């Protein structure tokens, strides 16, 4: 299931989150396990939807990447560099499929400590989601094609 991506964090959001670290509420500027889980789970949702698009709509796309990032982060977990590297590889793999907008940002490099990098990570995933959603909800506008065979219109 898709979780709402946060793509518009600001310095103020990060400062507010830093002042309210003990909050149980998910704060927009927070860089914690909830961000890591949201990114990982949203990428898995996109891969699942790519499978459906390929099967139901005969939508051609490259095979989605095999995702390796962790999706069961908890408050006590400390994200080591190798785990963050898996997220970076997964994000780059999703972006490299080419199902992106003209203004989709490049995959940011590590570390993911700056809010603009967090925005870019989620923006890449969000852009792919929006394009997929457009494919899924767009009705077929053309009926059957005729190329001169069969009944004529006269």
Foldseek 3Di string as FASTA:
>chain_A
DADDFQQDDDPVQLVVCVVVVVDPDDGSNDDALVLQLNLLVLLVVLLVLVVVCCPPVVDDWPRQDDQDADNDDDRPDDDDPVNQVSSLVNLQRLVVRVQFDPPQDHQDDDDPPDVNNSSSSRSSSVRSVVSSVCVVPDDDPDDDDDDPDDDDPD
